[in-house]
C-alpha atoms as a PDB file:
ATOM      1  CA  MET A   1      66.771 -73.808  33.948  1.00  0.00           C
ATOM      2  CA  VAL A   2      65.501 -76.183  36.447  1.00  0.00           C
ATOM      3  CA  ILE A   3      61.879 -75.404  37.870  1.00  0.00           C
ATOM      4  CA  ASN A   4      61.611 -75.786  41.373  1.00  0.00           C
ATOM      5  CA  ASN A   5      58.220 -77.219  41.652  1.00  0.00           C
ATOM      6  CA  ASN A   6      57.931 -77.242  45.333  1.00  0.00           C
ATOM      7  CA  PHE A   7      58.848 -73.403  45.285  1.00  0.00           C
ATOM      8  CA  TYR A   8      55.820 -72.461  42.987  1.00  0.00           C
ATOM      9  CA  MET A   9      53.547 -74.905  45.039  1.00  0.00           C
ATOM     10  CA  SER A  10      54.513 -73.385  48.327  1.00  0.00           C
ATOM     11  CA  LEU A  11      53.592 -70.060  47.276  1.00  0.00           C
ATOM     12  CA  ALA A  12      50.358 -71.347  46.432  1.00  0.00           C
ATOM     13  CA  ILE A  13      50.112 -73.238  50.032  1.00  0.00           C
ATOM     14  CA  LYS A  14      51.082 -69.852  51.827  1.00  0.00           C
ATOM     15  CA  GLU A  15      48.261 -68.119  49.890  1.00  0.00           C
ATOM     16  CA  ALA A  16      45.659 -70.398  50.917  1.00  0.00           C
ATOM     17  CA  TRP A  17      46.657 -70.285  54.609  1.00  0.00           C
ATOM     18  CA  ARG A  18      45.585 -66.651  54.476  1.00  0.00           C
ATOM     19  CA  TYR A  19      42.169 -67.553  54.158  1.00  0.00           C
ATOM     20  CA  GLN A  20      41.924 -70.846  56.135  1.00  0.00           C
ATOM     21  CA  GLY A  21      38.838 -70.418  58.550  1.00  0.00           C
ATOM     22  CA  LEU A  22      37.130 -68.159  56.049  1.00  0.00           C
ATOM     23  CA  THR A  23      36.157 -70.672  53.290  1.00  0.00           C
ATOM     24  CA  TYR A  24      33.670 -73.049  55.272  1.00  0.00           C
ATOM     25  CA  PRO A  25      32.091 -74.987  53.940  1.00  0.00           C
ATOM     26  CA  ASN A  26      34.540 -75.146  51.149  1.00  0.00           C
ATOM     27  CA  PRO A  27      38.318 -76.135  51.532  1.00  0.00           C
ATOM     28  CA  ALA A  28      41.018 -73.392  51.500  1.00  0.00           C
ATOM     29  CA  VAL A  29      42.908 -73.728  48.351  1.00  0.00           C
ATOM     30  CA  GLY A  30      45.713 -71.854  46.581  1.00  0.00           C
ATOM     31  CA  CYS A  31      46.916 -71.718  42.946  1.00  0.00           C
ATOM     32  CA  THR A  32      50.305 -70.253  41.218  1.00  0.00           C
ATOM     33  CA  VAL A  33      50.436 -69.692  37.564  1.00  0.00           C
ATOM     34  CA  VAL A  34      53.952 -69.742  36.081  1.00  0.00           C
ATOM     35  CA  ARG A  35      54.842 -69.159  32.525  1.00  0.00           C
ATOM     36  CA  GLY A  36      57.970 -70.667  30.575  1.00  0.00           C
ATOM     37  CA  SER A  37      61.015 -71.267  32.578  1.00  0.00           C
ATOM     38  CA  GLY A  38      59.827 -69.551  35.764  1.00  0.00           C
ATOM     39  CA  GLU A  39      58.099 -66.545  35.618  1.00  0.00           C
ATOM     40  CA  ILE A  40      55.182 -65.969  38.217  1.00  0.00           C
ATOM     41  CA  LEU A  41      51.977 -64.720  36.625  1.00  0.00           C
ATOM     42  CA  ALA A  42      49.690 -65.090  39.524  1.00  0.00           C
ATOM     43  CA  VAL A  43      49.459 -66.492  42.973  1.00  0.00           C
ATOM     44  CA  GLU A  44      45.675 -66.742  44.326  1.00  0.00           C
ATOM     45  CA  ALA A  45      43.501 -68.560  46.550  1.00  0.00           C
ATOM     46  CA  HIS A  46      39.893 -69.595  46.894  1.00  0.00           C
ATOM     47  CA  LYS A  47      38.543 -66.626  49.689  1.00  0.00           C
ATOM     48  CA  ARG A  48      35.195 -67.244  50.417  1.00  0.00           C
ATOM     49  CA  ALA A  49      32.366 -69.826  49.724  1.00  0.00           C
ATOM     50  CA  GLY A  50      30.579 -68.986  46.411  1.00  0.00           C
ATOM     51  CA  GLU A  51      33.424 -66.947  45.065  1.00  0.00           C
ATOM     52  CA  PRO A  52      35.619 -67.922  42.451  1.00  0.00           C
ATOM     53  CA  HIS A  53      38.034 -71.158  43.028  1.00  0.00           C
ATOM     54  CA  ALA A  54      41.834 -70.609  43.566  1.00  0.00           C
ATOM     55  CA  GLU A  55      42.411 -71.646  39.999  1.00  0.00           C
ATOM     56  CA  VAL A  56      39.945 -69.573  38.365  1.00  0.00           C
ATOM     57  CA  ALA A  57      40.858 -66.112  40.546  1.00  0.00           C
ATOM     58  CA  ALA A  58      44.478 -67.136  39.101  1.00  0.00           C
ATOM     59  CA  LEU A  59      43.917 -67.697  35.636  1.00  0.00           C
ATOM     60  CA  LYS A  60      42.155 -64.510  35.614  1.00  0.00           C
ATOM     61  CA  SER A  61      45.002 -62.572  37.325  1.00  0.00           C
ATOM     62  CA  ALA A  62      47.591 -64.290  34.585  1.00  0.00           C
ATOM     63  CA  TYR A  63      45.335 -63.467  32.105  1.00  0.00           C
ATOM     64  CA  PHE A  64      45.379 -59.714  32.570  1.00  0.00           C
ATOM     65  CA  LYS A  65      49.280 -59.858  32.897  1.00  0.00           C
ATOM     66  CA  LEU A  66      49.563 -61.727  29.678  1.00  0.00           C
ATOM     67  CA  THR A  67      46.991 -59.709  27.651  1.00  0.00           C
ATOM     68  CA  ASN A  68      46.661 -56.285  29.342  1.00  0.00           C
ATOM     69  CA  ASP A  69      42.943 -56.786  28.616  1.00  0.00           C
ATOM     70  CA  LYS A  70      41.130 -54.576  31.452  1.00  0.00           C
ATOM     71  CA  ASN A  71      37.776 -55.634  30.633  1.00  0.00           C
ATOM     72  CA  ILE A  72      38.393 -59.099  32.970  1.00  0.00           C
ATOM     73  CA  ILE A  73      39.242 -56.911  36.020  1.00  0.00           C
ATOM     74  CA  ASP A  74      35.723 -55.926  36.924  1.00  0.00           C
ATOM     75  CA  ILE A  75      34.274 -59.578  36.224  1.00  0.00           C
ATOM     76  CA  THR A  76      33.874 -61.063  39.641  1.00  0.00           C
ATOM     77  CA  THR A  77      31.588 -64.074  39.384  1.00  0.00           C
ATOM     78  CA  SER A  78      33.085 -67.534  38.378  1.00  0.00           C
ATOM     79  CA  SER A  79      30.923 -68.488  35.743  1.00  0.00           C
ATOM     80  CA  GLU A  80      31.216 -64.898  34.176  1.00  0.00           C
ATOM     81  CA  ILE A  81      35.400 -65.294  34.574  1.00  0.00           C
ATOM     82  CA  HIS A  82      34.880 -68.808  32.941  1.00  0.00           C
ATOM     83  CA  PHE A  83      32.992 -67.563  30.046  1.00  0.00           C
ATOM     84  CA  TYR A  84      35.103 -64.759  29.154  1.00  0.00           C
ATOM     85  CA  LEU A  85      38.578 -66.814  29.350  1.00  0.00           C
ATOM     86  CA  LEU A  86      36.899 -69.486  26.973  1.00  0.00           C
ATOM     87  CA  LYS A  87      35.944 -66.876  24.761  1.00  0.00           C
ATOM     88  CA  ASN A  88      38.961 -64.373  24.482  1.00  0.00           C
ATOM     89  CA  HIS A  89      42.122 -66.422  25.639  1.00  0.00           C
ATOM     90  CA  LYS A  90      43.669 -66.813  21.883  1.00  0.00           C
ATOM     91  CA  ASN A  91      46.009 -69.662  23.336  1.00  0.00           C
ATOM     92  CA  CYS A  92      47.848 -67.177  25.613  1.00  0.00           C
ATOM     93  CA  PHE A  93      48.029 -70.027  27.827  1.00  0.00           C
ATOM     94  CA  ASP A  94      50.055 -72.172  25.933  1.00  0.00           C
ATOM     95  CA  LYS A  95      53.604 -72.050  27.913  1.00  0.00           C
ATOM     96  CA  VAL A  96      51.781 -71.923  31.057  1.00  0.00           C
ATOM     97  CA  SER A  97      52.012 -74.313  34.086  1.00  0.00           C
ATOM     98  CA  LEU A  98      49.564 -74.641  36.798  1.00  0.00           C
ATOM     99  CA  TYR A  99      50.370 -75.483  40.611  1.00  0.00           C
ATOM    100  CA  THR A 100      47.088 -76.325  42.989  1.00  0.00           C
ATOM    101  CA  THR A 101      47.304 -77.294  46.346  1.00  0.00           C
ATOM    102  CA  LEU A 102      44.066 -79.280  45.528  1.00  0.00           C
ATOM    103  CA  GLU A 103      42.889 -81.353  42.767  1.00  0.00           C
ATOM    104  CA  PRO A 104      40.693 -79.056  40.265  1.00  0.00           C
ATOM    105  CA  CYS A 105      37.000 -79.845  40.772  1.00  0.00           C
ATOM    106  CA  ALA A 106      34.997 -82.148  37.986  1.00  0.00           C
ATOM    107  CA  HIS A 107      31.582 -80.894  39.131  1.00  0.00           C
ATOM    108  CA  ILE A 108      29.363 -78.176  38.216  1.00  0.00           C
ATOM    109  CA  GLY A 109      27.866 -76.464  41.637  1.00  0.00           C
ATOM    110  CA  LYS A 110      27.603 -72.956  42.374  1.00  0.00           C
ATOM    111  CA  THR A 111      30.470 -72.298  40.128  1.00  0.00           C
ATOM    112  CA  PRO A 112      31.533 -74.351  37.082  1.00  0.00           C
ATOM    113  CA  SER A 113      34.186 -77.167  36.700  1.00  0.00           C
ATOM    114  CA  CYS A 114      37.625 -75.635  37.022  1.00  0.00           C
ATOM    115  CA  ALA A 115      38.896 -78.920  35.548  1.00  0.00           C
ATOM    116  CA  THR A 116      36.977 -78.518  32.201  1.00  0.00           C
ATOM    117  CA  LEU A 117      38.202 -74.608  31.962  1.00  0.00           C
ATOM    118  CA  ILE A 118      41.773 -75.842  32.995  1.00  0.00           C
ATOM    119  CA  SER A 119      41.747 -78.464  29.911  1.00  0.00           C
ATOM    120  CA  SER A 120      40.414 -75.870  27.624  1.00  0.00           C
ATOM    121  CA  LEU A 121      42.731 -73.141  27.862  1.00  0.00           C
ATOM    122  CA  GLY A 122      45.674 -74.844  25.996  1.00  0.00           C
ATOM    123  CA  ILE A 123      47.600 -75.397  29.113  1.00  0.00           C
ATOM    124  CA  LYS A 124      50.001 -78.225  28.993  1.00  0.00           C
ATOM    125  CA  THR A 125      51.218 -79.152  32.625  1.00  0.00           C
ATOM    126  CA  ILE A 126      49.452 -79.125  35.809  1.00  0.00           C
ATOM    127  CA  PHE A 127      51.152 -79.626  39.348  1.00  0.00           C
ATOM    128  CA  VAL A 128      48.626 -81.059  42.095  1.00  0.00           C
ATOM    129  CA  GLY A 129      49.450 -81.266  45.868  1.00  0.00           C
ATOM    130  CA  SER A 130      46.391 -83.170  47.199  1.00  0.00           C
ATOM    131  CA  ASN A 131      43.969 -85.259  45.537  1.00  0.00           C
ATOM    132  CA  ASP A 132      40.126 -84.781  46.174  1.00  0.00           C
ATOM    133  CA  THR A 133      38.307 -87.294  48.160  1.00  0.00           C
ATOM    134  CA  ASN A 134      35.148 -85.477  48.180  1.00  0.00           C
ATOM    135  CA  GLU A 135      33.069 -87.597  46.055  1.00  0.00           C
ATOM    136  CA  GLU A 136      30.925 -84.683  44.847  1.00  0.00           C
ATOM    137  CA  ALA A 137      33.961 -82.532  43.394  1.00  0.00           C
ATOM    138  CA  SER A 138      36.747 -85.523  42.350  1.00  0.00           C
ATOM    139  CA  GLY A 139      37.761 -86.685  39.026  1.00  0.00           C
ATOM    140  CA  GLY A 140      39.357 -83.470  38.003  1.00  0.00           C
ATOM    141  CA  ASN A 141      42.597 -85.034  37.100  1.00  0.00           C
ATOM    142  CA  GLY A 142      40.653 -87.405  34.800  1.00  0.00           C
ATOM    143  CA  ILE A 143      39.099 -84.923  33.159  1.00  0.00           C
ATOM    144  CA  LEU A 144      42.740 -82.996  32.482  1.00  0.00           C
ATOM    145  CA  LYS A 145      44.513 -85.889  31.444  1.00  0.00           C
ATOM    146  CA  LYS A 146      41.961 -86.877  29.120  1.00  0.00           C
ATOM    147  CA  SER A 147      42.464 -83.714  27.224  1.00  0.00           C
ATOM    148  CA  GLY A 148      46.029 -84.349  26.912  1.00  0.00           C
ATOM    149  CA  LEU A 149      47.535 -82.236  30.190  1.00  0.00           C
ATOM    150  CA  HIS A 150      50.491 -83.682  31.792  1.00  0.00           C
ATOM    151  CA  VAL A 151      49.329 -84.044  35.292  1.00  0.00           C
ATOM    152  CA  GLU A 152      51.780 -84.626  38.399  1.00  0.00           C
ATOM    153  CA  ASN A 153      50.462 -85.340  41.890  1.00  0.00           C
ATOM    154  CA  ASN A 154      51.620 -85.164  45.424  1.00  0.00           C
ATOM    155  CA  ILE A 155      53.686 -81.689  45.124  1.00  0.00           C
ATOM    156  CA  LEU A 156      54.586 -80.831  48.798  1.00  0.00           C
ATOM    157  CA  LYS A 157      51.634 -83.534  49.537  1.00  0.00           C
ATOM    158  CA  GLU A 158      52.182 -83.356  53.340  1.00  0.00           C
ATOM    159  CA  GLU A 159      51.595 -79.659  53.381  1.00  0.00           C
ATOM    160  CA  CYS A 160      48.834 -79.319  50.942  1.00  0.00           C
ATOM    161  CA  ASP A 161      46.849 -82.098  53.264  1.00  0.00           C
ATOM    162  CA  ASN A 162      47.356 -79.880  56.470  1.00  0.00           C
ATOM    163  CA  LEU A 163      45.913 -77.244  54.618  1.00  0.00           C
ATOM    164  CA  LEU A 164      43.144 -79.248  53.277  1.00  0.00           C
ATOM    165  CA  LYS A 165      42.612 -81.132  56.676  1.00  0.00           C
ATOM    166  CA  PRO A 166      39.860 -78.968  58.512  1.00  0.00           C
ATOM    167  CA  PHE A 167      37.723 -79.492  55.170  1.00  0.00           C
ATOM    168  CA  LYS A 168      38.392 -83.297  55.396  1.00  0.00           C
ATOM    169  CA  LEU A 169      37.355 -83.008  59.082  1.00  0.00           C
ATOM    170  CA  TRP A 170      34.152 -80.753  58.816  1.00  0.00           C
ATOM    171  CA  THR A 171      32.882 -83.253  55.945  1.00  0.00           C
ATOM    172  CA  GLN A 172      33.249 -86.481  58.371  1.00  0.00           C
ATOM    173  CA  LYS A 173      32.401 -85.020  61.613  1.00  0.00           C
ATOM    174  CA  SER A 174      33.632 -81.543  63.080  1.00  0.00           C
ATOM    175  CA  PHE A 175      36.646 -79.409  62.872  1.00  0.00           C
ATOM    176  CA  VAL A 176      37.677 -77.917  66.344  1.00  0.00           C
ATOM    177  CA  PHE A 177      40.310 -75.329  66.359  1.00  0.00           C
ATOM    178  CA  PHE A 178      41.767 -73.187  69.370  1.00  0.00           C
ATOM    179  CA  LYS A 179      42.289 -69.666  69.136  1.00  0.00           C
ATOM    180  CA  TRP A 180      44.068 -67.146  71.507  1.00  0.00           C
ATOM    181  CA  ALA A 181      46.233 -63.998  71.622  1.00  0.00           C
ATOM    182  CA  GLN A 182      49.021 -63.241  73.596  1.00  0.00           C
ATOM    183  CA  ARG A 183      52.094 -60.646  73.792  1.00  0.00           C
ATOM    184  CA  LEU A 184      55.482 -61.218  73.491  1.00  0.00           C
ATOM    185  CA  ASN A 185      56.044 -62.228  77.318  1.00  0.00           C
ATOM    186  CA  GLY A 186      53.345 -64.637  76.779  1.00  0.00           C
ATOM    187  CA  THR A 187      50.576 -62.889  78.789  1.00  0.00           C
ATOM    188  CA  THR A 188      46.893 -63.244  77.577  1.00  0.00           C
ATOM    189  CA  ASP A 189      45.125 -60.738  79.867  1.00  0.00           C
ATOM    190  CA  GLY A 190      44.971 -57.068  80.719  1.00  0.00           C
ATOM    191  CA  GLY A 191      42.490 -55.949  77.890  1.00  0.00           C
ATOM    192  CA  ILE A 192      42.987 -56.005  74.331  1.00  0.00           C
ATOM    193  CA  ILE A 193      46.050 -57.721  72.770  1.00  0.00           C
ATOM    194  CA  SER A 194      45.533 -57.973  69.097  1.00  0.00           C
ATOM    195  CA  SER A 195      45.766 -55.387  66.328  1.00  0.00           C
ATOM    196  CA  GLN A 196      42.319 -54.049  64.594  1.00  0.00           C
ATOM    197  CA  GLU A 197      43.488 -56.206  61.309  1.00  0.00           C
ATOM    198  CA  SER A 198      43.655 -59.247  63.573  1.00  0.00           C
ATOM    199  CA  ARG A 199      40.494 -58.795  65.527  1.00  0.00           C
ATOM    200  CA  ILE A 200      38.787 -58.352  62.262  1.00  0.00           C
ATOM    201  CA  ASN A 201      40.123 -61.492  60.951  1.00  0.00           C
ATOM    202  CA  VAL A 202      38.899 -63.377  64.007  1.00  0.00           C
ATOM    203  CA  HIS A 203      35.328 -61.582  63.632  1.00  0.00           C
ATOM    204  CA  ALA A 204      35.337 -63.019  60.251  1.00  0.00           C
ATOM    205  CA  MET A 205      35.958 -66.516  61.292  1.00  0.00           C
ATOM    206  CA  ARG A 206      33.282 -66.161  63.472  1.00  0.00           C
ATOM    207  CA  ASP A 207      30.800 -65.326  60.780  1.00  0.00           C
ATOM    208  CA  LYS A 208      31.995 -68.872  59.412  1.00  0.00           C
ATOM    209  CA  CYS A 209      31.610 -70.931  62.436  1.00  0.00           C
ATOM    210  CA  ASP A 210      28.600 -72.363  63.804  1.00  0.00           C
ATOM    211  CA  LEU A 211      29.918 -72.710  67.143  1.00  0.00           C
ATOM    212  CA  LEU A 212      32.096 -70.709  69.577  1.00  0.00           C
ATOM    213  CA  VAL A 213      33.158 -71.974  72.782  1.00  0.00           C
ATOM    214  CA  ILE A 214      34.079 -70.179  75.855  1.00  0.00           C
ATOM    215  CA  GLY A 215      34.955 -70.564  79.601  1.00  0.00           C
ATOM    216  CA  GLY A 216      32.334 -69.572  82.110  1.00  0.00           C
ATOM    217  CA  ASN A 217      35.105 -67.481  83.986  1.00  0.00           C
ATOM    218  CA  THR A 218      35.853 -65.589  81.105  1.00  0.00           C
ATOM    219  CA  VAL A 219      32.131 -64.554  80.402  1.00  0.00           C
ATOM    220  CA  ARG A 220      31.562 -63.371  84.005  1.00  0.00           C
ATOM    221  CA  VAL A 221      34.978 -61.080  83.878  1.00  0.00           C
ATOM    222  CA  ASP A 222      34.683 -59.706  80.144  1.00  0.00           C
ATOM    223  CA  ARG A 223      31.510 -59.571  79.646  1.00  0.00           C
ATOM    224  CA  PRO A 224      31.786 -60.142  75.766  1.00  0.00           C
ATOM    225  CA  THR A 225      29.557 -59.960  72.742  1.00  0.00           C
ATOM    226  CA  LEU A 226      31.110 -62.742  70.960  1.00  0.00           C
ATOM    227  CA  ASP A 227      29.333 -61.647  67.465  1.00  0.00           C
ATOM    228  CA  ALA A 228      31.062 -60.846  64.238  1.00  0.00           C
ATOM    229  CA  ARG A 229      30.223 -57.219  64.024  1.00  0.00           C
ATOM    230  CA  LEU A 230      33.648 -55.988  62.751  1.00  0.00           C
ATOM    231  CA  VAL A 231      32.760 -57.714  59.240  1.00  0.00           C
ATOM    232  CA  ASN A 232      29.542 -56.790  57.113  1.00  0.00           C
ATOM    233  CA  ASP A 233      26.546 -58.911  58.073  1.00  0.00           C
ATOM    234  CA  GLY A 234      28.574 -60.983  60.087  1.00  0.00           C
ATOM    235  CA  LYS A 235      26.786 -63.796  61.698  1.00  0.00           C
ATOM    236  CA  ALA A 236      27.071 -64.646  65.318  1.00  0.00           C
ATOM    237  CA  PRO A 237      27.588 -68.124  66.003  1.00  0.00           C
ATOM    238  CA  ASP A 238      25.833 -70.241  68.819  1.00  0.00           C
ATOM    239  CA  VAL A 239      27.754 -70.169  72.149  1.00  0.00           C
ATOM    240  CA  LEU A 240      28.635 -73.039  74.480  1.00  0.00           C
ATOM    241  CA  ILE A 241      29.744 -71.582  77.965  1.00  0.00           C
ATOM    242  CA  VAL A 242      31.794 -74.452  79.791  1.00  0.00           C
ATOM    243  CA  SER A 243      31.146 -73.886  83.401  1.00  0.00           C
ATOM    244  CA  ARG A 244      30.201 -76.074  86.245  1.00  0.00           C
ATOM    245  CA  CYS A 245      27.982 -73.075  87.887  1.00  0.00           C
ATOM    246  CA  LYS A 246      25.212 -72.473  85.664  1.00  0.00           C
ATOM    247  CA  GLU A 247      24.239 -68.820  87.021  1.00  0.00           C
ATOM    248  CA  PHE A 248      25.094 -66.071  84.845  1.00  0.00           C
ATOM    249  CA  ASP A 249      24.154 -62.443  84.763  1.00  0.00           C
ATOM    250  CA  MET A 250      21.862 -62.215  81.901  1.00  0.00           C
ATOM    251  CA  SER A 251      22.536 -58.729  80.836  1.00  0.00           C
ATOM    252  CA  ILE A 252      26.095 -59.814  79.674  1.00  0.00           C
ATOM    253  CA  PRO A 253      25.852 -58.861  75.906  1.00  0.00           C
ATOM    254  CA  LEU A 254      26.368 -62.411  74.532  1.00  0.00           C
ATOM    255  CA  PHE A 255      23.080 -63.384  75.676  1.00  0.00           C
ATOM    256  CA  SER A 256      21.099 -60.693  73.707  1.00  0.00           C
ATOM    257  CA  VAL A 257      22.341 -61.378  70.173  1.00  0.00           C
ATOM    258  CA  GLN A 258      19.364 -62.486  67.954  1.00  0.00           C
ATOM    259  CA  ASN A 259      19.234 -65.791  66.305  1.00  0.00           C
ATOM    260  CA  ARG A 260      21.951 -67.548  68.718  1.00  0.00           C
ATOM    261  CA  LYS A 261      21.635 -70.291  70.833  1.00  0.00           C
ATOM    262  CA  VAL A 262      23.659 -69.986  73.972  1.00  0.00           C
ATOM    263  CA  ILE A 263      24.134 -73.513  75.755  1.00  0.00           C
ATOM    264  CA  ILE A 264      25.676 -73.918  79.256  1.00  0.00           C
ATOM    265  CA  SER A 265      27.379 -77.131  80.191  1.00  0.00           C
ATOM    266  CA  ASP A 266      30.075 -78.513  82.048  1.00  0.00           C
ATOM    267  CA  ASP A 267      31.773 -80.495  79.247  1.00  0.00           C
ATOM    268  CA  PHE A 268      32.222 -80.210  75.473  1.00  0.00           C
ATOM    269  CA  SER A 269      29.501 -82.923  74.491  1.00  0.00           C
ATOM    270  CA  ARG A 270      27.215 -80.577  72.748  1.00  0.00           C
ATOM    271  CA  CYS A 271      29.969 -80.035  70.192  1.00  0.00           C
ATOM    272  CA  ARG A 272      28.919 -83.206  68.525  1.00  0.00           C
ATOM    273  CA  ASN A 273      26.170 -81.007  67.107  1.00  0.00           C
ATOM    274  CA  TYR A 274      28.253 -78.740  64.998  1.00  0.00           C
ATOM    275  CA  LYS A 275      30.723 -78.736  62.292  1.00  0.00           C
ATOM    276  CA  ASN A 276      33.000 -75.826  62.266  1.00  0.00           C
ATOM    277  CA  ILE A 277      33.562 -74.810  66.269  1.00  0.00           C
ATOM    278  CA  MET A 278      36.173 -72.262  67.322  1.00  0.00           C
ATOM    279  CA  ILE A 279      37.444 -72.112  71.079  1.00  0.00           C
ATOM    280  CA  GLU A 280      38.667 -69.349  72.577  1.00  0.00           C
ATOM    281  CA  GLY A 281      40.527 -68.650  75.943  1.00  0.00           C
ATOM    282  CA  SER A 282      43.683 -68.952  77.455  1.00  0.00           C
ATOM    283  CA  SER A 283      45.825 -71.585  79.635  1.00  0.00           C
ATOM    284  CA  LYS A 284      42.734 -73.108  81.625  1.00  0.00           C
ATOM    285  CA  MET A 285      40.773 -73.631  78.395  1.00  0.00           C
ATOM    286  CA  PHE A 286      43.722 -74.835  76.545  1.00  0.00           C
ATOM    287  CA  GLU A 287      44.155 -77.645  79.146  1.00  0.00           C
ATOM    288  CA  LEU A 288      40.431 -78.484  79.429  1.00  0.00           C
ATOM    289  CA  SER A 289      39.905 -78.982  75.392  1.00  0.00           C
ATOM    290  CA  ARG A 290      43.192 -80.510  74.605  1.00  0.00           C
ATOM    291  CA  ASN A 291      41.501 -84.037  73.825  1.00  0.00           C
ATOM    292  CA  ILE A 292      39.152 -82.638  71.190  1.00  0.00           C
ATOM    293  CA  ILE A 293      41.418 -79.751  69.314  1.00  0.00           C
ATOM    294  CA  ASP A 294      42.644 -80.471  65.749  1.00  0.00           C
ATOM    295  CA  TYR A 295      44.549 -77.113  65.144  1.00  0.00           C
ATOM    296  CA  TYR A 296      45.927 -74.176  66.776  1.00  0.00           C
ATOM    297  CA  LEU A 297      45.617 -70.440  66.139  1.00  0.00           C
ATOM    298  CA  CYS A 298      47.721 -67.915  67.852  1.00  0.00           C
ATOM    299  CA  TYR A 299      47.837 -64.185  67.228  1.00  0.00           C
ATOM    300  CA  LEU A 300      51.136 -62.842  68.498  1.00  0.00           C
ATOM    301  CA  ALA A 301      51.370 -59.351  69.358  1.00  0.00           C
ATOM    302  CA  PRO A 302      54.797 -57.036  69.393  1.00  0.00           C
ATOM    303  CA  THR A 303      53.779 -55.627  72.821  1.00  0.00           C
ATOM    304  CA  VAL A 304      54.391 -56.563  76.768  1.00  0.00           C
ATOM    305  CA  GLY A 305      52.445 -56.342  79.494  1.00  0.00           C
ATOM    306  CA  GLY A 306      49.493 -58.078  81.417  1.00  0.00           C
ATOM    307  CA  SER A 307      50.288 -60.507  83.987  1.00  0.00           C
ATOM    308  CA  ASN A 308      48.890 -63.970  83.174  1.00  0.00           C
ATOM    309  CA  SER A 309      50.383 -66.500  80.882  1.00  0.00           C
ATOM    310  CA  PHE A 310      50.145 -70.249  80.172  1.00  0.00           C
ATOM    311  CA  THR A 311      51.418 -71.774  82.925  1.00  0.00           C
ATOM    312  CA  GLU A 312      52.130 -75.025  83.986  1.00  0.00           C
ATOM    313  CA  ILE A 313      51.517 -76.565  80.676  1.00  0.00           C
ATOM    314  CA  ASP A 314      54.145 -78.683  78.538  1.00  0.00           C
ATOM    315  CA  ASP A 315      52.865 -79.348  75.113  1.00  0.00           C
ATOM    316  CA  LYS A 316      54.813 -78.974  72.105  1.00  0.00           C
ATOM    317  CA  LEU A 317      52.984 -77.592  68.762  1.00  0.00           C
ATOM    318  CA  GLU A 318      54.096 -78.081  65.342  1.00  0.00           C
ATOM    319  CA  ILE A 319      53.817 -74.813  63.423  1.00  0.00           C
ATOM    320  CA  LEU A 320      52.031 -75.398  59.873  1.00  0.00           C
ATOM    321  CA  ASN A 321      52.295 -71.640  58.661  1.00  0.00           C
ATOM    322  CA  ILE A 322      53.222 -68.217  59.712  1.00  0.00           C
ATOM    323  CA  GLN A 323      51.348 -65.079  58.441  1.00  0.00           C
ATOM    324  CA  GLU A 324      52.590 -61.618  59.244  1.00  0.00           C
ATOM    325  CA  GLU A 325      49.606 -59.546  59.043  1.00  0.00           C
ATOM    326  CA  ALA A 326      50.000 -55.804  60.021  1.00  0.00           C
ATOM    327  CA  GLN A 327      51.470 -55.625  63.469  1.00  0.00           C
ATOM    328  CA  ASP A 328      50.782 -59.203  64.552  1.00  0.00           C
ATOM    329  CA  ILE A 329      51.924 -62.657  63.755  1.00  0.00           C
ATOM    330  CA  ILE A 330      49.562 -65.182  63.176  1.00  0.00           C
ATOM    331  CA  MET A 331      50.354 -68.789  63.486  1.00  0.00           C
ATOM    332  CA  TRP A 332      48.663 -71.963  62.764  1.00  0.00           C
ATOM    333  CA  MET A 333      49.689 -75.034  64.421  1.00  0.00           C
ATOM    334  CA  LYS A 334      48.810 -78.737  65.246  1.00  0.00           C
ATOM    335  CA  ARG A 335      49.766 -80.786  68.293  1.00  0.00           C
ATOM    336  CA  ASP A 336      53.387 -82.641  67.896  1.00  0.00           C
ATOM    337  CA  VAL A 337      52.728 -86.057  68.115  1.00  0.00           C
END
C-alpha cells in the first residue's frame, strides 16, 4: 500500500487552522499519528499557549487508542503527559509515523522538548512541514536524526508555511488580520450576523490580541464594548479608533472597560507598538487598511438580509483554509498577488 504523506499532513494542517489566532504567542501547529499502512490514531493541534504542543496532544490520544489505558485521559499538563508516556509506552509506538506541520521543538520552556519525547518512544519515522526558524526552539530535527529516526522535511511546505506565517510575523514585527462577518448576499449591516459559536471564536481571538482596530463611524453607530466577555476571564485588548473626528460620546461602553487603553488617531501608525492586531470592519475599513493587512478572516453566515455590502472594491483573495463551525463558514485568506 502506498502511503499518501500529503493526505496525513493535510489533516494536521486543517486541525491546526481551527486554532489560528488562539495560540499567541505560540504558533498554530497540527499533528497526525498514523500506524502501519495507514490507520489514523490521532489528529490534534496546539490549542493555547501553555497547553500541550500538538505532538504531545496527538501522542496522548494515540497512546490511549493503542493501549486503552484510561489513566492518561485526565492528565492535562504537558510535563505530566511526557512523564507518563516515557514510563508506560512499552514500545507501543514502534510501528507509528508522525506528521507535524512544524519541526518539533528542542528547547525546554513551559513544556518539555517534543523532539526529546518523540525520540524516546520508539517511533521510526517523522514527516515535517515547516522547519522551525525560531532560534530558541529550533534544532528538533537534529535531535530526532541523532536518535535514529528517519526525518522527511518539506511535506506540503507551502501550506505549512502559510499556517506558520502569523507566528513568524509577530516574532519579527507584527501580524495584522482583518476580520468581518457577512451574509450570503454580501451584507455586513443590520445587527448580529454570525452564530453564537462564531462570536465566541471572535471573543477568544480578542482575548489573545493586544490591539483591536475599528472605524470611528462604527463606534458611533454600534456603540460597542469590544471586549472578550464570551470567554472565561477574557482580556479586552487595547482599542485604536481610526477617525478624523476625535470627539466621541464617552458613555459608549468600549471607553469604560478596565485596564484598556483607547487610542483615537486618523491613521494606523500606532499599530507599530503592538504585535498581534485584529482589525474589525466592513468595506470602508477594508479599503483603508489594505496596505497593512497580512491575512483576512471572514465569517460567512447562511442568511440573507441587510442592505450594505462591499461595493466598488476590486480585489482578489486566496483561500488558505475553510472551516465549517456550526452554522457559519469561516475562511482564512490572503491577498492573491
